[in-house]
Amino acid sequence: MPKKPSSRPLAADWFVRSRLKLRHLQLLCALGELRNLNRAAQSLGLTQPAASRLLAELEDMVGAPVFERRPRGVEPNELGALLLRHAGVVLLELRQVATELNGLRSGAGGAVAIGAVTAPAVECVARAVEILQGEAPELRITVEVEPSAQLVDRLFKGRLDLALARVPPEVDISALEYREVGDEALCLLVREGHPLLGQSRIRLKDLVAFTWLLEPPGSLLRHAVEMLFARRQLPMPPRIINTSSVLLNLTMLSRGEAVCVVSEPAAAMLEAQGKFRRLPPLQDEGALSVSAYGLIWLRERPLSPAARRVIAVLEPMLFPVL
């Protein structure tokens, strides 16, 4: 018979009073990943009855079920999803302690994981990593370049220390420290020698006949392009290749007459190689950009010394004093 949820609020120190153990958190994370009690027990070296007891203890502490029992396994409910997120952060923090302690004992600088959307990764993060490698070559730096939604999710899961990204609308911004940098400027990129480069004036309707390389529908960059055509009451180009692969975009761009939309910093880097060129601003069109991004980290998670060091290097680049 399912456990009836308790209406009694949890005390701030509920985990102390209930004698919450790391084993409870490990089982919670294993269930969240494997969705099966038997497999989760095996992954932790437990018997299934022992795992069942741990889960029952955890649900008794919370005062309500945290997983829904299904014919083929279990699925976290709303309470379970919240516990999973925090349990993952706790376990990751404990693993990070070992990394930082070992770094301090050996004289090394620890480790830091940074996430960034494309433009900041190309420009600021790359420069920051170069500076940090010169100042602290022993510092272990991980950089992940992904869309904002994935980066913010990894922040909450404890897999990133900080990110340069946008806050997705469904995320509670009060849980984050957010310092806005600004809009991300975009431009149109083509190969060197593209026929459009020989025109003195380029209008949006001149681009409809060309193949476009765009991110899949639903992305911010794709939406910016769709709105660009909508404002001119023009149909979207009939030939669109949907891909988020940078390598595929560059390969197809270099072999034909396609048009690609990229951030300004990425375009500047590619132009320097001599194979690609930015199209001049379109006639009678405003600047193309996507919504503002910022420097983000979790408000309730103390930053490690390595993360604070990264922020100290990034801040003068992102927020220059005028």
Protein backbone atom coordinates (compact mmCIF):
# COMPACT_ATOMS: atom_id res chain seq x y z
CA MET A 1 0.00 0.00 0.00
CA PRO A 2 1.49 3.41 -1.00
CA LYS A 3 2.78 5.57 1.82
CA LYS A 4 0.47 8.47 2.63
CA PRO A 5 2.31 11.81 2.26
CA SER A 6 2.92 13.67 5.53
CA SER A 7 1.71 17.25 5.91
CA ARG A 8 4.35 17.98 8.56
CA PRO A 9 7.00 20.43 7.26
CA LEU A 10 10.62 19.33 7.36
CA ALA A 11 12.96 21.06 9.78
CA ALA A 12 16.02 22.78 8.33
CA ASP A 13 18.22 20.11 9.94
CA TRP A 14 15.94 17.20 8.95
CA PHE A 15 18.88 15.26 7.52
CA VAL A 16 20.62 15.34 10.91
CA ARG A 17 17.55 14.35 12.88
CA SER A 18 16.73 11.56 10.43
CA ARG A 19 20.34 10.36 10.30
CA LEU A 20 20.56 10.64 6.55
CA LYS A 21 23.53 8.61 5.28
CA LEU A 22 25.64 8.85 2.17
CA ARG A 23 24.30 5.42 1.27
CA HIS A 24 20.83 6.94 0.97
CA LEU A 25 22.17 9.56 -1.45
CA GLN A 26 24.12 6.97 -3.45
CA LEU A 27 21.03 4.80 -3.82
CA LEU A 28 18.96 7.82 -4.81
CA CYS A 29 21.42 8.74 -7.59
CA ALA A 30 21.73 5.12 -8.76
CA LEU A 31 17.93 4.85 -8.99
CA GLY A 32 17.78 8.14 -10.86
CA GLU A 33 20.26 6.83 -13.41
CA LEU A 34 19.19 3.19 -13.72
CA ARG A 35 15.45 3.46 -12.96
CA ASN A 36 15.49 -0.07 -11.58
CA LEU A 37 15.85 -1.08 -7.91
CA ASN A 38 17.63 -4.38 -8.57
CA ARG A 39 20.19 -2.85 -10.97
CA ALA A 40 20.73 0.09 -8.61
CA ALA A 41 21.35 -2.33 -5.72
CA GLN A 42 23.85 -4.32 -7.79
CA SER A 43 25.71 -1.15 -8.81
CA LEU A 44 26.23 -0.37 -5.11
CA GLY A 45 27.04 -3.92 -4.05
CA LEU A 46 23.77 -4.29 -2.12
CA THR A 47 21.08 -6.92 -2.09
CA GLN A 48 17.67 -5.83 -3.35
CA PRO A 49 16.08 -6.16 0.14
CA ALA A 50 18.82 -3.91 1.57
CA ALA A 51 18.22 -1.35 -1.17
CA SER A 52 14.47 -1.52 -0.55
CA ARG A 53 15.06 -0.80 3.15
CA LEU A 54 17.24 2.20 2.33
CA LEU A 55 14.62 3.58 -0.02
CA ALA A 56 11.88 3.05 2.57
CA GLU A 57 14.01 4.86 5.17
CA LEU A 58 14.56 7.79 2.82
CA GLU A 59 10.87 8.08 1.99
CA ASP A 60 10.08 7.91 5.71
CA MET A 61 12.49 10.80 6.34
CA VAL A 62 10.88 12.88 3.59
CA GLY A 63 7.40 11.87 4.65
CA ALA A 64 6.24 10.91 1.16
CA PRO A 65 7.10 8.60 -1.76
CA VAL A 66 9.89 9.93 -3.99
CA PHE A 67 9.66 7.32 -6.74
CA GLU A 68 6.65 5.98 -8.60
CA ARG A 69 6.68 2.20 -8.90
CA ARG A 70 6.19 1.07 -12.49
CA PRO A 71 5.91 -2.48 -13.96
CA ARG A 72 9.46 -2.26 -15.34
CA GLY A 73 11.12 -0.10 -12.71
CA VAL A 74 10.78 3.20 -10.91
CA GLU A 75 10.41 6.81 -11.99
CA PRO A 76 11.19 9.85 -9.80
CA ASN A 77 8.18 12.01 -8.96
CA GLU A 78 8.43 15.76 -8.33
CA LEU A 79 9.90 15.24 -4.86
CA GLY A 80 12.30 12.62 -6.16
CA ALA A 81 13.52 14.88 -8.97
CA LEU A 82 14.30 17.62 -6.45
CA LEU A 83 16.15 15.21 -4.14
CA LEU A 84 18.07 13.76 -7.08
CA ARG A 85 19.31 17.17 -8.13
CA HIS A 86 20.61 18.01 -4.66
CA ALA A 87 21.98 14.51 -3.97
CA GLY A 88 24.01 14.65 -7.17
CA VAL A 89 25.50 18.00 -6.14
CA VAL A 90 26.41 16.72 -2.65
CA LEU A 91 28.18 13.63 -3.99
CA LEU A 92 29.97 15.63 -6.66
CA GLU A 93 31.10 18.17 -4.07
CA LEU A 94 32.55 15.37 -1.95
CA ARG A 95 34.44 14.01 -4.95
CA GLN A 96 35.66 17.54 -5.68
CA VAL A 97 37.04 17.76 -2.13
CA ALA A 98 39.46 14.95 -2.94
CA THR A 99 40.62 16.75 -6.09
CA GLU A 100 41.18 20.02 -4.27
CA LEU A 101 42.87 18.41 -1.26
CA ASN A 102 45.22 16.47 -3.52
CA GLY A 103 45.93 19.64 -5.46
CA LEU A 104 46.78 21.60 -2.32
CA ARG A 105 48.97 18.81 -0.95
CA SER A 106 50.92 18.54 -4.18
CA GLY A 107 51.10 22.29 -4.78
CA ALA A 108 48.77 22.07 -7.77
CA GLY A 109 45.87 24.42 -8.37
CA GLY A 110 42.83 22.13 -8.29
CA ALA A 111 40.21 21.81 -11.01
CA VAL A 112 37.42 23.90 -12.53
CA ALA A 113 34.69 23.17 -15.08
CA ILE A 114 33.41 26.02 -17.25
CA GLY A 115 30.47 25.99 -19.64
CA ALA A 116 29.85 28.49 -22.44
CA VAL A 117 27.65 29.10 -25.44
CA THR A 118 29.59 29.45 -28.68
CA ALA A 119 30.44 33.16 -28.85
CA PRO A 120 31.86 33.50 -25.31
CA ALA A 121 33.70 30.20 -25.74
CA VAL A 122 35.40 31.43 -28.90
CA GLU A 123 36.32 34.80 -27.50
CA CYS A 124 36.50 35.22 -23.71
CA VAL A 125 36.82 31.66 -22.44
CA ALA A 126 39.62 30.78 -24.88
CA ARG A 127 41.58 33.87 -23.82
CA ALA A 128 40.93 33.17 -20.14
CA VAL A 129 42.17 29.58 -20.47
CA GLU A 130 45.39 30.80 -22.12
CA ILE A 131 45.98 33.28 -19.27
CA LEU A 132 45.25 30.68 -16.59
CA GLN A 133 47.56 28.13 -18.21
CA GLY A 134 50.33 30.70 -18.09
CA GLU A 135 49.64 31.68 -14.48
CA ALA A 136 48.79 28.23 -13.11
CA PRO A 137 49.81 25.45 -15.52
CA GLU A 138 48.87 22.85 -12.91
CA LEU A 139 45.22 23.97 -12.85
CA ARG A 140 42.92 21.39 -14.47
CA ILE A 141 40.41 23.19 -16.69
CA THR A 142 37.41 21.61 -18.41
CA VAL A 143 35.42 23.63 -20.96
CA GLU A 144 32.04 22.50 -22.28
CA VAL A 145 30.41 24.29 -25.24
CA GLU A 146 26.68 23.59 -25.40
CA PRO A 147 23.34 25.42 -25.67
CA SER A 148 22.27 27.34 -22.57
CA ALA A 149 19.64 24.84 -21.39
CA GLN A 150 22.18 22.00 -21.14
CA LEU A 151 24.75 24.23 -19.43
CA VAL A 152 22.36 25.51 -16.76
CA ASP A 153 21.14 21.96 -16.14
CA ARG A 154 24.75 20.87 -15.56
CA LEU A 155 25.25 23.79 -13.18
CA PHE A 156 22.35 22.54 -11.06
CA LYS A 157 23.69 18.99 -11.21
CA GLY A 158 27.09 20.17 -10.00
CA ARG A 159 28.94 19.21 -13.17
CA LEU A 160 29.92 22.82 -13.91
CA ASP A 161 31.28 25.47 -11.58
CA LEU A 162 30.15 28.40 -13.70
CA ALA A 163 28.80 29.16 -17.15
CA LEU A 164 28.50 31.89 -19.74
CA ALA A 165 24.97 31.28 -20.92
CA ARG A 166 21.36 32.45 -21.00
CA VAL A 167 18.90 31.57 -18.25
CA PRO A 168 16.16 29.39 -19.76
CA PRO A 169 12.65 30.74 -19.05
CA GLU A 170 11.65 27.70 -17.01
CA VAL A 171 14.57 28.10 -14.56
CA ASP A 172 14.14 29.90 -11.22
CA ILE A 173 16.65 32.71 -11.58
CA SER A 174 16.61 33.35 -7.80
CA ALA A 175 18.71 30.18 -7.43
CA LEU A 176 21.45 31.71 -9.59
CA GLU A 177 24.00 34.48 -9.42
CA TYR A 178 23.68 36.20 -12.80
CA ARG A 179 25.78 39.02 -14.22
CA GLU A 180 24.54 40.07 -17.63
CA VAL A 181 27.14 40.55 -20.36
CA GLY A 182 25.01 41.60 -23.34
CA ASP A 183 23.44 40.46 -26.59
CA GLU A 184 25.23 38.01 -28.86
CA ALA A 185 25.81 39.62 -32.27
CA LEU A 186 25.34 37.40 -35.32
CA CYS A 187 26.39 37.66 -38.94
CA LEU A 188 26.08 35.79 -42.24
CA LEU A 189 29.08 33.73 -43.29
CA VAL A 190 29.96 32.40 -46.76
CA ARG A 191 33.03 30.92 -48.41
CA GLU A 192 35.72 33.08 -49.98
CA GLY A 193 34.73 33.74 -53.60
CA HIS A 194 30.98 33.39 -52.98
CA PRO A 195 28.95 35.17 -55.72
CA LEU A 196 27.17 37.38 -53.16
CA LEU A 197 30.49 39.00 -52.21
CA GLY A 198 30.67 40.66 -55.62
CA GLN A 199 27.39 42.56 -55.15
CA SER A 200 27.43 46.18 -54.02
CA ARG A 201 24.10 45.86 -52.22
CA ILE A 202 22.60 42.72 -50.70
CA ARG A 203 18.94 42.45 -49.72
CA LEU A 204 17.38 39.67 -47.72
CA LYS A 205 15.32 38.49 -50.69
CA ASP A 206 18.57 37.94 -52.62
CA LEU A 207 19.43 35.17 -50.13
CA VAL A 208 16.25 33.10 -50.46
CA ALA A 209 17.56 31.09 -53.41
CA PHE A 210 20.69 29.92 -51.58
CA THR A 211 21.05 26.89 -49.30
CA TRP A 212 21.03 27.87 -45.63
CA LEU A 213 22.85 25.98 -42.87
CA LEU A 214 20.83 26.54 -39.70
CA GLU A 215 20.51 25.17 -36.21
CA PRO A 216 17.39 23.00 -35.72
CA PRO A 217 13.99 24.66 -35.10
CA GLY A 218 13.53 25.85 -31.53
CA SER A 219 17.05 27.21 -31.07
CA LEU A 220 17.61 30.90 -30.38
CA LEU A 221 19.74 31.37 -33.49
CA ARG A 222 17.13 29.68 -35.70
CA HIS A 223 14.40 31.87 -34.20
CA ALA A 224 16.42 35.01 -34.97
CA VAL A 225 16.64 34.00 -38.65
CA GLU A 226 12.95 33.09 -38.82
CA MET A 227 12.02 36.50 -37.40
CA LEU A 228 14.34 38.20 -39.89
CA PHE A 229 12.37 36.71 -42.79
CA ALA A 230 9.01 37.20 -41.07
CA ARG A 231 9.59 40.94 -40.64
CA ARG A 232 10.04 41.24 -44.41
CA GLN A 233 7.06 38.94 -45.06
CA LEU A 234 9.36 36.61 -46.96
CA PRO A 235 9.14 32.82 -46.93
CA MET A 236 11.96 30.91 -45.33
CA PRO A 237 14.48 29.61 -47.88
CA PRO A 238 13.25 26.33 -49.41
CA ARG A 239 16.67 24.71 -49.03
CA ILE A 240 17.64 24.49 -45.36
CA ILE A 241 19.99 21.96 -43.81
CA ASN A 242 19.24 21.62 -40.10
CA THR A 243 22.36 20.84 -38.10
CA SER A 244 24.12 22.05 -34.96
CA SER A 245 27.42 20.47 -36.07
CA VAL A 246 30.08 23.14 -36.54
CA LEU A 247 32.28 20.74 -38.51
CA LEU A 248 29.50 19.84 -40.96
CA ASN A 249 28.59 23.51 -41.40
CA LEU A 250 32.14 24.51 -42.25
CA THR A 251 32.61 21.57 -44.61
CA MET A 252 29.43 22.32 -46.56
CA LEU A 253 30.10 26.05 -46.49
CA SER A 254 33.54 25.59 -48.05
CA ARG A 255 32.28 23.30 -50.84
CA GLY A 256 29.34 25.27 -52.17
CA GLU A 257 27.37 28.49 -52.12
CA ALA A 258 25.54 28.03 -48.83
CA VAL A 259 24.93 30.73 -46.23
CA CYS A 260 25.52 30.13 -42.52
CA VAL A 261 24.64 32.22 -39.46
CA VAL A 262 27.36 32.43 -36.82
CA SER A 263 28.36 34.69 -33.94
CA GLU A 264 30.59 37.67 -34.71
CA PRO A 265 33.58 36.33 -32.73
CA ALA A 266 33.37 32.96 -34.52
CA ALA A 267 33.18 34.72 -37.90
CA ALA A 268 36.23 36.85 -37.11
CA MET A 269 38.24 33.75 -36.20
CA LEU A 270 37.18 31.93 -39.37
CA GLU A 271 37.88 34.95 -41.57
CA ALA A 272 41.43 35.08 -40.25
CA GLN A 273 42.03 31.66 -41.81
CA GLY A 274 41.29 33.08 -45.27
CA LYS A 275 38.64 30.53 -46.29
CA PHE A 276 35.46 32.34 -45.23
CA ARG A 277 34.02 35.86 -45.38
CA ARG A 278 31.28 37.74 -43.62
CA LEU A 279 28.59 39.21 -45.82
CA PRO A 280 28.18 42.98 -45.41
CA PRO A 281 25.12 44.15 -43.46
CA LEU A 282 21.92 43.54 -45.38
CA GLN A 283 20.32 46.60 -46.91
CA ASP A 284 17.50 48.07 -44.77
CA GLU A 285 17.95 45.44 -42.06
CA GLY A 286 18.90 46.01 -38.44
CA ALA A 287 21.64 44.21 -36.61
CA LEU A 288 21.11 40.47 -36.21
CA SER A 289 21.50 39.21 -32.66
CA VAL A 290 20.11 36.84 -30.04
CA SER A 291 19.10 37.61 -26.47
CA ALA A 292 21.55 38.56 -23.74
CA TYR A 293 23.73 36.05 -21.92
CA GLY A 294 25.59 36.36 -18.67
CA LEU A 295 28.08 34.89 -16.20
CA ILE A 296 26.19 32.39 -14.02
CA TRP A 297 26.87 30.23 -10.98
CA LEU A 298 24.74 28.68 -8.25
CA ARG A 299 23.88 31.08 -5.44
CA GLU A 300 23.94 28.49 -2.65
CA ARG A 301 27.04 26.62 -3.81
CA PRO A 302 30.30 28.18 -2.57
CA LEU A 303 32.78 28.74 -5.36
CA SER A 304 36.05 26.86 -5.15
CA PRO A 305 39.32 28.83 -5.19
CA ALA A 306 39.86 27.65 -8.78
CA ALA A 307 36.43 28.91 -9.86
CA ARG A 308 37.03 32.27 -8.18
CA ARG A 309 40.34 32.48 -10.03
CA VAL A 310 38.58 31.91 -13.36
CA ILE A 311 36.02 34.62 -12.56
CA ALA A 312 38.82 37.05 -11.67
CA VAL A 313 40.34 36.50 -15.12
CA LEU A 314 37.01 36.63 -16.99
CA GLU A 315 35.55 39.72 -15.33
CA PRO A 316 37.89 42.33 -16.93
CA MET A 317 37.10 40.84 -20.36
CA LEU A 318 33.34 40.65 -19.83
CA PHE A 319 32.84 43.87 -17.84
CA PRO A 320 35.56 46.32 -18.90
CA VAL A 321 35.73 49.56 -16.93
CA LEU A 322 35.02 52.47 -19.25
